[in-house]
C-alpha atoms as a PDB file:
ATOM      1  CA  UNK A   1      88.613   2.583 -15.948  1.00  0.00           C
ATOM      2  CA  UNK A   2      84.950   1.998 -15.025  1.00  0.00           C
ATOM      3  CA  UNK A   3      82.437   5.199 -15.866  1.00  0.00           C
ATOM      4  CA  UNK A   4      79.294   5.407 -14.954  1.00  0.00           C
ATOM      5  CA  UNK A   5      75.794   5.547 -17.252  1.00  0.00           C
ATOM      6  CA  UNK A   6      75.595   9.534 -17.323  1.00  0.00           C
ATOM      7  CA  UNK A   7      78.355   9.780 -19.448  1.00  0.00           C
ATOM      8  CA  UNK A   8      76.708   7.938 -22.329  1.00  0.00           C
ATOM      9  CA  UNK A   9      73.674  10.266 -22.329  1.00  0.00           C
ATOM     10  CA  UNK A  10      73.426  13.689 -23.863  1.00  0.00           C
ATOM     11  CA  UNK A  11      76.703  13.092 -25.228  1.00  0.00           C
ATOM     12  CA  UNK A  12      77.599  16.093 -28.797  1.00  0.00           C
ATOM     13  CA  UNK A  13      79.067  14.678 -31.433  1.00  0.00           C
ATOM     14  CA  UNK A  14      81.671  16.236 -32.895  1.00  0.00           C
ATOM     15  CA  UNK A  15      83.305  16.259 -36.532  1.00  0.00           C
ATOM     16  CA  UNK A  16      86.957  15.311 -36.562  1.00  0.00           C
ATOM     17  CA  UNK A  17      87.086  16.338 -40.452  1.00  0.00           C
ATOM     18  CA  UNK A  18      83.977  19.076 -40.168  1.00  0.00           C
ATOM     19  CA  UNK A  19      85.744  20.577 -37.026  1.00  0.00           C
ATOM     20  CA  UNK A  20      82.340  21.062 -35.112  1.00  0.00           C
ATOM     21  CA  UNK A  21      78.863  19.216 -33.619  1.00  0.00           C
ATOM     22  CA  UNK A  22      76.725  17.171 -36.173  1.00  0.00           C
ATOM     23  CA  UNK A  23      74.570  15.255 -33.880  1.00  0.00           C
ATOM     24  CA  UNK A  24      73.880  14.436 -30.092  1.00  0.00           C
ATOM     25  CA  UNK A  25      74.066  10.915 -29.024  1.00  0.00           C
ATOM     26  CA  UNK A  26      70.815  10.461 -26.691  1.00  0.00           C
ATOM     27  CA  UNK A  27      70.792   6.944 -25.323  1.00  0.00           C
ATOM     28  CA  UNK A  28      73.239   4.144 -25.715  1.00  0.00           C
ATOM     29  CA  UNK A  29      72.158   0.919 -27.694  1.00  0.00           C
ATOM     30  CA  UNK A  30      72.771  -2.340 -25.354  1.00  0.00           C
ATOM     31  CA  UNK A  31      72.890  -5.973 -26.491  1.00  0.00           C
ATOM     32  CA  UNK A  32      70.341  -7.403 -23.664  1.00  0.00           C
ATOM     33  CA  UNK A  33      72.564 -11.151 -24.754  1.00  0.00           C
ATOM     34  CA  UNK A  34      76.060  -9.638 -23.205  1.00  0.00           C
ATOM     35  CA  UNK A  35      75.238  -6.331 -21.976  1.00  0.00           C
ATOM     36  CA  UNK A  36      77.604  -4.278 -24.984  1.00  0.00           C
ATOM     37  CA  UNK A  37      76.821  -1.196 -25.424  1.00  0.00           C
ATOM     38  CA  UNK A  38      77.114  -1.381 -29.365  1.00  0.00           C
ATOM     39  CA  UNK A  39      76.640   2.767 -29.994  1.00  0.00           C
ATOM     40  CA  UNK A  40      73.769   5.394 -29.936  1.00  0.00           C
ATOM     41  CA  UNK A  41      70.553   7.053 -30.879  1.00  0.00           C
ATOM     42  CA  UNK A  42      71.053  10.130 -32.072  1.00  0.00           C
ATOM     43  CA  UNK A  43      69.212  13.268 -33.066  1.00  0.00           C
ATOM     44  CA  UNK A  44      70.879  14.926 -36.149  1.00  0.00           C
ATOM     45  CA  UNK A  45      69.980  18.779 -36.815  1.00  0.00           C
ATOM     46  CA  UNK A  46      67.598  18.732 -39.909  1.00  0.00           C
ATOM     47  CA  UNK A  47      66.577  15.130 -39.813  1.00  0.00           C
ATOM     48  CA  UNK A  48      63.302  14.063 -38.431  1.00  0.00           C
ATOM     49  CA  UNK A  49      64.348  10.594 -37.890  1.00  0.00           C
ATOM     50  CA  UNK A  50      67.072   8.973 -35.428  1.00  0.00           C
ATOM     51  CA  UNK A  51      70.032   7.629 -36.257  1.00  0.00           C
ATOM     52  CA  UNK A  52      72.629   5.455 -34.732  1.00  0.00           C
ATOM     53  CA  UNK A  53      76.353   5.845 -34.189  1.00  0.00           C
ATOM     54  CA  UNK A  54      78.038   2.574 -33.705  1.00  0.00           C
ATOM     55  CA  UNK A  55      81.193   2.493 -31.022  1.00  0.00           C
ATOM     56  CA  UNK A  56      83.141   1.096 -33.540  1.00  0.00           C
ATOM     57  CA  UNK A  57      83.274   4.882 -35.406  1.00  0.00           C
ATOM     58  CA  UNK A  58      84.037   6.692 -32.376  1.00  0.00           C
ATOM     59  CA  UNK A  59      87.775   7.743 -32.994  1.00  0.00           C
ATOM     60  CA  UNK A  60      87.624   9.510 -29.267  1.00  0.00           C
ATOM     61  CA  UNK A  61      85.685   9.705 -25.963  1.00  0.00           C
ATOM     62  CA  UNK A  62      86.732  12.883 -23.849  1.00  0.00           C
ATOM     63  CA  UNK A  63      84.842  15.833 -21.905  1.00  0.00           C
ATOM     64  CA  UNK A  64      84.129  17.590 -25.131  1.00  0.00           C
ATOM     65  CA  UNK A  65      81.947  14.626 -26.484  1.00  0.00           C
ATOM     66  CA  UNK A  66      82.418  11.614 -29.082  1.00  0.00           C
ATOM     67  CA  UNK A  67      84.378  12.377 -31.738  1.00  0.00           C
ATOM     68  CA  UNK A  68      84.355  10.776 -35.386  1.00  0.00           C
ATOM     69  CA  UNK A  69      85.633  11.225 -38.707  1.00  0.00           C
ATOM     70  CA  UNK A  70      82.511  13.283 -40.061  1.00  0.00           C
ATOM     71  CA  UNK A  71      78.840  12.574 -40.806  1.00  0.00           C
ATOM     72  CA  UNK A  72      79.154   9.168 -42.381  1.00  0.00           C
ATOM     73  CA  UNK A  73      79.841   7.618 -38.821  1.00  0.00           C
ATOM     74  CA  UNK A  74      76.187   8.427 -38.416  1.00  0.00           C
ATOM     75  CA  UNK A  75      73.860   5.296 -40.167  1.00  0.00           C
ATOM     76  CA  UNK A  76      70.160   5.035 -40.320  1.00  0.00           C
ATOM     77  CA  UNK A  77      68.578   2.393 -38.350  1.00  0.00           C
ATOM     78  CA  UNK A  78      67.700   0.310 -41.544  1.00  0.00           C
ATOM     79  CA  UNK A  79      71.324   0.221 -42.867  1.00  0.00           C
ATOM     80  CA  UNK A  80      72.317  -1.870 -39.517  1.00  0.00           C
ATOM     81  CA  UNK A  81      71.379  -5.150 -40.975  1.00  0.00           C
ATOM     82  CA  UNK A  82      73.707  -7.040 -38.624  1.00  0.00           C
ATOM     83  CA  UNK A  83      72.522  -4.939 -35.689  1.00  0.00           C
ATOM     84  CA  UNK A  84      68.540  -4.957 -36.782  1.00  0.00           C
ATOM     85  CA  UNK A  85      67.054  -7.677 -34.357  1.00  0.00           C
ATOM     86  CA  UNK A  86      69.148  -5.527 -30.867  1.00  0.00           C
ATOM     87  CA  UNK A  87      67.699  -2.503 -32.690  1.00  0.00           C
ATOM     88  CA  UNK A  88      63.832  -4.100 -32.398  1.00  0.00           C
ATOM     89  CA  UNK A  89      64.456  -5.312 -29.418  1.00  0.00           C
ATOM     90  CA  UNK A  90      64.750  -1.727 -27.782  1.00  0.00           C
ATOM     91  CA  UNK A  91      66.386  -2.273 -24.350  1.00  0.00           C
ATOM     92  CA  UNK A  92      66.256  -0.623 -21.518  1.00  0.00           C
ATOM     93  CA  UNK A  93      68.538  -1.083 -18.819  1.00  0.00           C
ATOM     94  CA  UNK A  94      67.805   1.534 -16.265  1.00  0.00           C
ATOM     95  CA  UNK A  95      64.828   0.817 -14.140  1.00  0.00           C
ATOM     96  CA  UNK A  96      64.860  -3.286 -15.177  1.00  0.00           C
ATOM     97  CA  UNK A  97      63.789  -5.207 -12.076  1.00  0.00           C
ATOM     98  CA  UNK A  98      66.430  -7.330 -10.712  1.00  0.00           C
ATOM     99  CA  UNK A  99      65.505 -10.586  -8.961  1.00  0.00           C
ATOM    100  CA  UNK A 100      67.409 -13.293  -7.753  1.00  0.00           C
ATOM    101  CA  UNK A 101      65.811 -17.210  -7.223  1.00  0.00           C
ATOM    102  CA  UNK A 102      64.638 -15.790  -3.776  1.00  0.00           C
ATOM    103  CA  UNK A 103      62.794 -12.930  -5.123  1.00  0.00           C
ATOM    104  CA  UNK A 104      62.913  -9.247  -6.019  1.00  0.00           C
ATOM    105  CA  UNK A 105      65.851  -7.227  -5.266  1.00  0.00           C
ATOM    106  CA  UNK A 106      65.305  -3.643  -6.945  1.00  0.00           C
ATOM    107  CA  UNK A 107      65.541  -2.143  -9.489  1.00  0.00           C
ATOM    108  CA  UNK A 108      68.550  -0.958 -11.957  1.00  0.00           C
ATOM    109  CA  UNK A 109      69.276   2.433 -10.724  1.00  0.00           C
ATOM    110  CA  UNK A 110      72.715   2.918 -12.592  1.00  0.00           C
ATOM    111  CA  UNK A 111      75.135   0.986 -14.266  1.00  0.00           C
ATOM    112  CA  UNK A 112      79.195   1.326 -15.035  1.00  0.00           C
ATOM    113  CA  UNK A 113      81.029   0.208 -18.186  1.00  0.00           C
ATOM    114  CA  UNK A 114      84.644  -0.363 -18.861  1.00  0.00           C
ATOM    115  CA  UNK A 115      87.054   0.363 -22.183  1.00  0.00           C
ATOM    116  CA  UNK A 116      85.563  -2.454 -23.938  1.00  0.00           C
ATOM    117  CA  UNK A 117      82.097  -1.407 -23.942  1.00  0.00           C
ATOM    118  CA  UNK A 118      80.564  -3.657 -21.668  1.00  0.00           C
ATOM    119  CA  UNK A 119      78.350  -3.355 -18.952  1.00  0.00           C
ATOM    120  CA  UNK A 120      80.469  -4.190 -15.284  1.00  0.00           C
ATOM    121  CA  UNK A 121      78.417  -3.453 -12.670  1.00  0.00           C
ATOM    122  CA  UNK A 122      74.845  -2.576 -11.927  1.00  0.00           C
ATOM    123  CA  UNK A 123      73.985  -0.686  -9.041  1.00  0.00           C
ATOM    124  CA  UNK A 124      70.274  -1.885  -7.906  1.00  0.00           C
ATOM    125  CA  UNK A 125      67.955   0.107  -5.521  1.00  0.00           C
ATOM    126  CA  UNK A 126      66.353  -1.409  -3.294  1.00  0.00           C
ATOM    127  CA  UNK A 127      62.684  -1.198  -2.355  1.00  0.00           C
ATOM    128  CA  UNK A 128      61.401   1.074   0.305  1.00  0.00           C
ATOM    129  CA  UNK A 129      60.347  -1.662   2.632  1.00  0.00           C
ATOM    130  CA  UNK A 130      64.046  -3.403   2.664  1.00  0.00           C
ATOM    131  CA  UNK A 131      66.224   0.639   2.461  1.00  0.00           C
ATOM    132  CA  UNK A 132      64.951   0.290   6.331  1.00  0.00           C
ATOM    133  CA  UNK A 133      66.675  -2.374   7.264  1.00  0.00           C
ATOM    134  CA  UNK A 134      70.070  -2.369   5.253  1.00  0.00           C
ATOM    135  CA  UNK A 135      71.957  -0.216   2.653  1.00  0.00           C
ATOM    136  CA  UNK A 136      69.785   1.393   0.216  1.00  0.00           C
ATOM    137  CA  UNK A 137      71.657   0.016  -3.063  1.00  0.00           C
ATOM    138  CA  UNK A 138      73.092  -2.856  -3.911  1.00  0.00           C
ATOM    139  CA  UNK A 139      76.264  -3.390  -6.159  1.00  0.00           C
ATOM    140  CA  UNK A 140      76.182  -6.248  -8.489  1.00  0.00           C
ATOM    141  CA  UNK A 141      79.143  -7.650 -10.802  1.00  0.00           C
ATOM    142  CA  UNK A 142      78.409  -8.863 -14.226  1.00  0.00           C
ATOM    143  CA  UNK A 143      79.762 -12.635 -13.313  1.00  0.00           C
ATOM    144  CA  UNK A 144      76.499 -12.556 -10.770  1.00  0.00           C
ATOM    145  CA  UNK A 145      74.402 -12.297 -14.261  1.00  0.00           C
ATOM    146  CA  UNK A 146      72.283 -15.255 -14.687  1.00  0.00           C
ATOM    147  CA  UNK A 147      70.105 -14.047 -17.162  1.00  0.00           C
ATOM    148  CA  UNK A 148      68.354 -11.143 -19.010  1.00  0.00           C
ATOM    149  CA  UNK A 149      65.305 -11.148 -20.330  1.00  0.00           C
ATOM    150  CA  UNK A 150      62.462  -8.668 -21.079  1.00  0.00           C
ATOM    151  CA  UNK A 151      61.182  -8.753 -17.523  1.00  0.00           C
ATOM    152  CA  UNK A 152      63.875  -8.930 -15.345  1.00  0.00           C
ATOM    153  CA  UNK A 153      67.189  -9.696 -14.856  1.00  0.00           C
ATOM    154  CA  UNK A 154      68.229 -12.769 -12.611  1.00  0.00           C
ATOM    155  CA  UNK A 155      71.279 -12.933 -10.405  1.00  0.00           C
ATOM    156  CA  UNK A 156      72.885 -14.954  -8.127  1.00  0.00           C
ATOM    157  CA  UNK A 157      71.873 -15.073  -4.305  1.00  0.00           C
ATOM    158  CA  UNK A 158      74.930 -13.054  -2.806  1.00  0.00           C
ATOM    159  CA  UNK A 159      73.692 -13.622   0.850  1.00  0.00           C
ATOM    160  CA  UNK A 160      74.503 -16.241   3.037  1.00  0.00           C
ATOM    161  CA  UNK A 161      71.614 -18.363   3.560  1.00  0.00           C
ATOM    162  CA  UNK A 162      70.988 -19.799   7.298  1.00  0.00           C
ATOM    163  CA  UNK A 163      72.648 -23.396   7.839  1.00  0.00           C
ATOM    164  CA  UNK A 164      75.830 -22.361   5.230  1.00  0.00           C
ATOM    165  CA  UNK A 165      78.743 -23.100   6.525  1.00  0.00           C
ATOM    166  CA  UNK A 166      81.179 -20.618   6.520  1.00  0.00           C
ATOM    167  CA  UNK A 167      84.657 -21.263   4.665  1.00  0.00           C
ATOM    168  CA  UNK A 168      87.833 -21.628   7.589  1.00  0.00           C
ATOM    169  CA  UNK A 169      89.869 -18.843   8.178  1.00  0.00           C
ATOM    170  CA  UNK A 170      93.151 -18.805   6.052  1.00  0.00           C
ATOM    171  CA  UNK A 171      96.396 -17.764   8.775  1.00  0.00           C
ATOM    172  CA  UNK A 172      98.375 -14.696   7.610  1.00  0.00           C
ATOM    173  CA  UNK A 173     101.462 -15.273   5.889  1.00  0.00           C
ATOM    174  CA  UNK A 174     104.201 -14.536   8.230  1.00  0.00           C
END
């Protein structure tokens, strides 16, 4: 099942052991190399710095929030040596420009992710001058993504270019 990015933002973190709210998962941490959601930057009451909740620490995702065992599920960023490089990148997927080899397509307005916490689809808003001639949003599947870098996301061309041969129609089976 796919879910939209809004379900990742400002989610309460609930402790199963303590039976209450222990913080808020504010923004997702996304690995730009494979577009996997590693966890969340979290705000914990009484602490001045943000902590990280890794997805593998979440016991249950529900409409009430993210259920974890207890406060030990949250970690200081410097304690996550394995994810140090990704945390330093501070990758933001929303508003990232999307291009193909012919030029600018638009910016990421939203995305959906699967149960494995991988980004599956990008919802790309077109610039105003292109909205007048076609649909305002382009849907990009993860299989169409060629490269993700600091400046933009490069995707395969999906439109048929002039002069390209169209495949022959397949006859219907009786």
